[in-house]
Structure formats: C-alpha cells, structure tokens
Amino acid sequence: MISRLEVEDLARLREAGNEKPLEPGMIAAIDAAAGGPGEGRGYYVVSGSVYPVDAREYHLRDDVAEALFAAEETSLGVTA
C-alpha cells in the first residue's frame, strides 16, 4: 500500500508523524492506495474511544508506521 500512495500523500503522512491522528484526506488517500473506498481499513486503527463515531481518532497501525518511516530512511540513504 505504501508504494501506491501518491508522492504528496506520502510526504504529508511522514510530515505529520505517527503521533497525530490521521486527517480524513489521509484516510481517503490510504483507502485509494489500498484499492478504493474503505479498503485501507486495517492499515489504520481507532485510537481511544470508538464512541461517538464522529469523534474517533485514527492512527496508522504500528507496523505500517514502522514500514512507512523505514522506507523514508532507506530512500534518504539513512542506515541503522
């Protein structure tokens, strides 16, 4: 999924970091990269309370965030 994100969306995700909740536009971008509306579920998870629905905060799943930021380090030539 990460490799199918638009360059701008990938940059926005990396800029926001893993601590901030995903904005609705980022959720839409993840869904699109995963194949369409709602297909990105599983790459992001609810953090905190699930109710009320309109107040849910979504974050990248930990392993997805690790892959996203590891890919960034690799593309920048950073090694561990």
N, C-alpha and C. Protein backbone atom coordinates (compact mmCIF):
# COMPACT_ATOMS: atom_id res chain seq x y z
N MET A 1 0.82 -1.18 0.00
CA MET A 1 0.00 0.00 0.00
C MET A 1 0.86 1.25 0.00
N ILE A 2 1.94 1.25 0.76
CA ILE A 2 2.80 2.43 0.85
C ILE A 2 3.34 2.83 -0.52
N SER A 3 3.73 1.84 -1.30
CA SER A 3 4.30 2.14 -2.62
C SER A 3 3.26 2.69 -3.59
N ARG A 4 1.97 2.52 -3.28
CA ARG A 4 0.90 3.02 -4.17
C ARG A 4 0.36 4.38 -3.74
N LEU A 5 0.87 4.94 -2.65
CA LEU A 5 0.44 6.27 -2.23
C LEU A 5 1.01 7.32 -3.17
N GLU A 6 0.25 8.37 -3.40
CA GLU A 6 0.74 9.50 -4.19
C GLU A 6 1.90 10.14 -3.43
N VAL A 7 2.86 10.68 -4.15
CA VAL A 7 4.05 11.28 -3.54
C VAL A 7 3.66 12.35 -2.51
N GLU A 8 2.68 13.18 -2.85
CA GLU A 8 2.25 14.24 -1.93
C GLU A 8 1.64 13.67 -0.66
N ASP A 9 0.86 12.60 -0.80
CA ASP A 9 0.23 11.97 0.36
C ASP A 9 1.26 11.31 1.26
N LEU A 10 2.22 10.67 0.64
CA LEU A 10 3.30 10.05 1.40
C LEU A 10 4.08 11.10 2.19
N ALA A 11 4.36 12.23 1.55
CA ALA A 11 5.07 13.32 2.23
C ALA A 11 4.25 13.87 3.39
N ARG A 12 2.94 14.01 3.20
CA ARG A 12 2.08 14.52 4.27
C ARG A 12 2.02 13.57 5.45
N LEU A 13 1.96 12.27 5.18
CA LEU A 13 1.96 11.28 6.26
C LEU A 13 3.27 11.34 7.05
N ARG A 14 4.36 11.42 6.34
CA ARG A 14 5.67 11.47 7.01
C ARG A 14 5.84 12.76 7.79
N GLU A 15 5.35 13.86 7.24
CA GLU A 15 5.46 15.15 7.91
C GLU A 15 4.65 15.17 9.20
N ALA A 16 3.46 14.58 9.17
CA ALA A 16 2.59 14.55 10.35
C ALA A 16 3.15 13.65 11.43
N GLY A 17 3.90 12.64 11.04
CA GLY A 17 4.44 11.70 12.02
C GLY A 17 3.39 10.72 12.49
N ASN A 18 3.76 9.89 13.42
CA ASN A 18 2.87 8.84 13.88
C ASN A 18 2.04 9.27 15.09
N GLU A 19 2.35 10.40 15.67
CA GLU A 19 1.66 10.82 16.89
C GLU A 19 0.32 11.49 16.60
N LYS A 20 0.20 12.18 15.49
CA LYS A 20 -1.04 12.89 15.16
C LYS A 20 -2.06 11.94 14.57
N PRO A 21 -3.34 12.19 14.87
CA PRO A 21 -4.39 11.39 14.21
C PRO A 21 -4.39 11.66 12.71
N LEU A 22 -4.82 10.66 11.95
CA LEU A 22 -4.93 10.83 10.51
C LEU A 22 -6.07 11.76 10.17
N GLU A 23 -5.83 12.68 9.28
CA GLU A 23 -6.87 13.57 8.78
C GLU A 23 -7.75 12.78 7.80
N PRO A 24 -9.00 13.20 7.62
CA PRO A 24 -9.88 12.50 6.68
C PRO A 24 -9.28 12.34 5.28
N GLY A 25 -8.55 13.35 4.80
CA GLY A 25 -7.91 13.26 3.49
C GLY A 25 -6.85 12.18 3.43
N MET A 26 -6.16 11.97 4.54
CA MET A 26 -5.13 10.92 4.59
C MET A 26 -5.78 9.54 4.61
N ILE A 27 -6.90 9.43 5.31
CA ILE A 27 -7.63 8.16 5.32
C ILE A 27 -8.10 7.85 3.90
N ALA A 28 -8.61 8.85 3.21
CA ALA A 28 -9.05 8.65 1.82
C ALA A 28 -7.88 8.24 0.93
N ALA A 29 -6.71 8.84 1.13
CA ALA A 29 -5.54 8.50 0.33
C ALA A 29 -5.08 7.07 0.60
N ILE A 30 -5.12 6.65 1.85
CA ILE A 30 -4.76 5.27 2.20
C ILE A 30 -5.76 4.31 1.59
N ASP A 31 -7.05 4.63 1.69
CA ASP A 31 -8.08 3.79 1.07
C ASP A 31 -7.85 3.66 -0.44
N ALA A 32 -7.57 4.79 -1.10
CA ALA A 32 -7.34 4.77 -2.55
C ALA A 32 -6.13 3.91 -2.90
N ALA A 33 -5.05 4.04 -2.13
CA ALA A 33 -3.84 3.26 -2.39
C ALA A 33 -4.09 1.77 -2.16
N ALA A 34 -5.03 1.47 -1.27
CA ALA A 34 -5.34 0.07 -0.96
C ALA A 34 -6.37 -0.53 -1.91
N GLY A 35 -6.96 0.29 -2.78
CA GLY A 35 -7.87 -0.26 -3.78
C GLY A 35 -9.23 0.40 -3.88
N GLY A 36 -9.54 1.33 -3.00
CA GLY A 36 -10.82 2.03 -3.12
C GLY A 36 -11.40 2.38 -1.77
N PRO A 37 -12.58 2.98 -1.77
CA PRO A 37 -13.20 3.43 -0.52
C PRO A 37 -13.31 2.32 0.52
N GLY A 38 -12.78 2.58 1.69
CA GLY A 38 -12.84 1.63 2.79
C GLY A 38 -11.83 0.51 2.74
N GLU A 39 -11.08 0.39 1.66
CA GLU A 39 -10.13 -0.72 1.50
C GLU A 39 -8.88 -0.58 2.37
N GLY A 40 -8.64 0.62 2.88
CA GLY A 40 -7.46 0.83 3.71
C GLY A 40 -7.66 0.44 5.16
N ARG A 41 -8.91 0.11 5.51
CA ARG A 41 -9.15 -0.33 6.89
C ARG A 41 -8.23 -1.50 7.18
N GLY A 42 -7.62 -1.45 8.31
CA GLY A 42 -6.63 -2.46 8.66
C GLY A 42 -5.23 -1.86 8.62
N TYR A 43 -5.02 -0.85 7.77
CA TYR A 43 -3.75 -0.13 7.76
C TYR A 43 -3.78 0.96 8.82
N TYR A 44 -4.99 1.39 9.19
CA TYR A 44 -5.15 2.37 10.26
C TYR A 44 -6.15 1.82 11.27
N VAL A 45 -6.02 2.26 12.51
CA VAL A 45 -6.87 1.75 13.59
C VAL A 45 -7.39 2.91 14.43
N VAL A 46 -8.48 2.65 15.15
CA VAL A 46 -9.04 3.65 16.06
C VAL A 46 -8.16 3.69 17.30
N SER A 47 -7.86 4.89 17.72
CA SER A 47 -7.09 5.09 18.95
C SER A 47 -8.02 5.77 19.95
N GLY A 48 -8.14 5.19 21.12
CA GLY A 48 -9.03 5.76 22.12
C GLY A 48 -10.44 5.22 21.99
N SER A 49 -11.40 6.03 22.36
CA SER A 49 -12.80 5.62 22.38
C SER A 49 -13.36 5.47 20.96
N VAL A 50 -14.21 4.47 20.78
CA VAL A 50 -14.84 4.28 19.48
C VAL A 50 -16.17 5.03 19.38
N TYR A 51 -16.65 5.55 20.50
CA TYR A 51 -17.90 6.32 20.51
C TYR A 51 -17.66 7.67 21.11
N PRO A 52 -18.22 8.72 20.61
CA PRO A 52 -19.10 8.77 19.45
C PRO A 52 -18.31 8.58 18.16
N VAL A 53 -18.95 8.04 17.18
CA VAL A 53 -18.31 7.70 15.90
C VAL A 53 -17.64 8.91 15.27
N ASP A 54 -18.29 10.05 15.29
CA ASP A 54 -17.73 11.23 14.63
C ASP A 54 -16.52 11.81 15.36
N ALA A 55 -16.22 11.32 16.55
CA ALA A 55 -15.07 11.82 17.30
C ALA A 55 -13.91 10.81 17.32
N ARG A 56 -14.02 9.75 16.54
CA ARG A 56 -12.94 8.75 16.50
C ARG A 56 -11.66 9.35 15.96
N GLU A 57 -10.56 8.90 16.53
CA GLU A 57 -9.25 9.29 16.01
C GLU A 57 -8.61 8.04 15.42
N TYR A 58 -8.13 8.18 14.19
CA TYR A 58 -7.49 7.07 13.50
C TYR A 58 -5.99 7.32 13.42
N HIS A 59 -5.22 6.25 13.62
CA HIS A 59 -3.77 6.30 13.52
C HIS A 59 -3.32 5.13 12.66
N LEU A 60 -2.15 5.29 12.05
CA LEU A 60 -1.58 4.16 11.32
C LEU A 60 -1.30 3.03 12.31
N ARG A 61 -1.53 1.82 11.87
CA ARG A 61 -1.17 0.66 12.69
C ARG A 61 0.34 0.73 12.92
N ASP A 62 0.82 0.29 14.07
CA ASP A 62 2.24 0.42 14.42
C ASP A 62 3.18 -0.16 13.36
N ASP A 63 2.88 -1.35 12.86
CA ASP A 63 3.77 -1.96 11.88
C ASP A 63 3.74 -1.21 10.54
N VAL A 64 2.60 -0.62 10.21
CA VAL A 64 2.50 0.17 8.98
C VAL A 64 3.33 1.45 9.14
N ALA A 65 3.23 2.10 10.30
CA ALA A 65 4.02 3.31 10.56
C ALA A 65 5.51 2.99 10.51
N GLU A 66 5.91 1.87 11.11
CA GLU A 66 7.33 1.48 11.06
C GLU A 66 7.80 1.29 9.64
N ALA A 67 6.99 0.64 8.81
CA ALA A 67 7.35 0.43 7.41
C ALA A 67 7.41 1.76 6.66
N LEU A 68 6.46 2.64 6.94
CA LEU A 68 6.43 3.95 6.28
C LEU A 68 7.70 4.74 6.59
N PHE A 69 8.07 4.80 7.84
CA PHE A 69 9.24 5.59 8.21
C PHE A 69 10.54 4.87 7.89
N ALA A 70 10.55 3.55 7.87
CA ALA A 70 11.74 2.80 7.43
C ALA A 70 11.98 3.04 5.95
N ALA A 71 10.89 3.08 5.17
CA ALA A 71 11.01 3.35 3.73
C ALA A 71 11.56 4.75 3.51
N GLU A 72 11.18 5.69 4.36
CA GLU A 72 11.68 7.06 4.24
C GLU A 72 13.19 7.09 4.50
N GLU A 73 13.63 6.41 5.55
CA GLU A 73 15.05 6.39 5.87
C GLU A 73 15.85 5.74 4.76
N THR A 74 15.32 4.67 4.20
CA THR A 74 16.01 3.99 3.10
C THR A 74 16.10 4.90 1.88
N SER A 75 15.01 5.61 1.58
CA SER A 75 15.02 6.48 0.40
C SER A 75 15.93 7.68 0.62
N LEU A 76 16.18 8.04 1.87
CA LEU A 76 17.08 9.17 2.16
C LEU A 76 18.52 8.71 2.32
N GLY A 77 18.74 7.40 2.28
CA GLY A 77 20.09 6.88 2.41
C GLY A 77 20.54 6.74 3.86
N VAL A 78 19.61 6.78 4.80
CA VAL A 78 19.94 6.64 6.21
C VAL A 78 19.99 5.15 6.53
N THR A 79 21.02 4.74 7.22
CA THR A 79 21.10 3.34 7.63
C THR A 79 21.21 3.25 9.13
N ALA A 80 20.76 2.14 9.66
CA ALA A 80 20.78 1.96 11.12
C ALA A 80 22.13 1.45 11.59
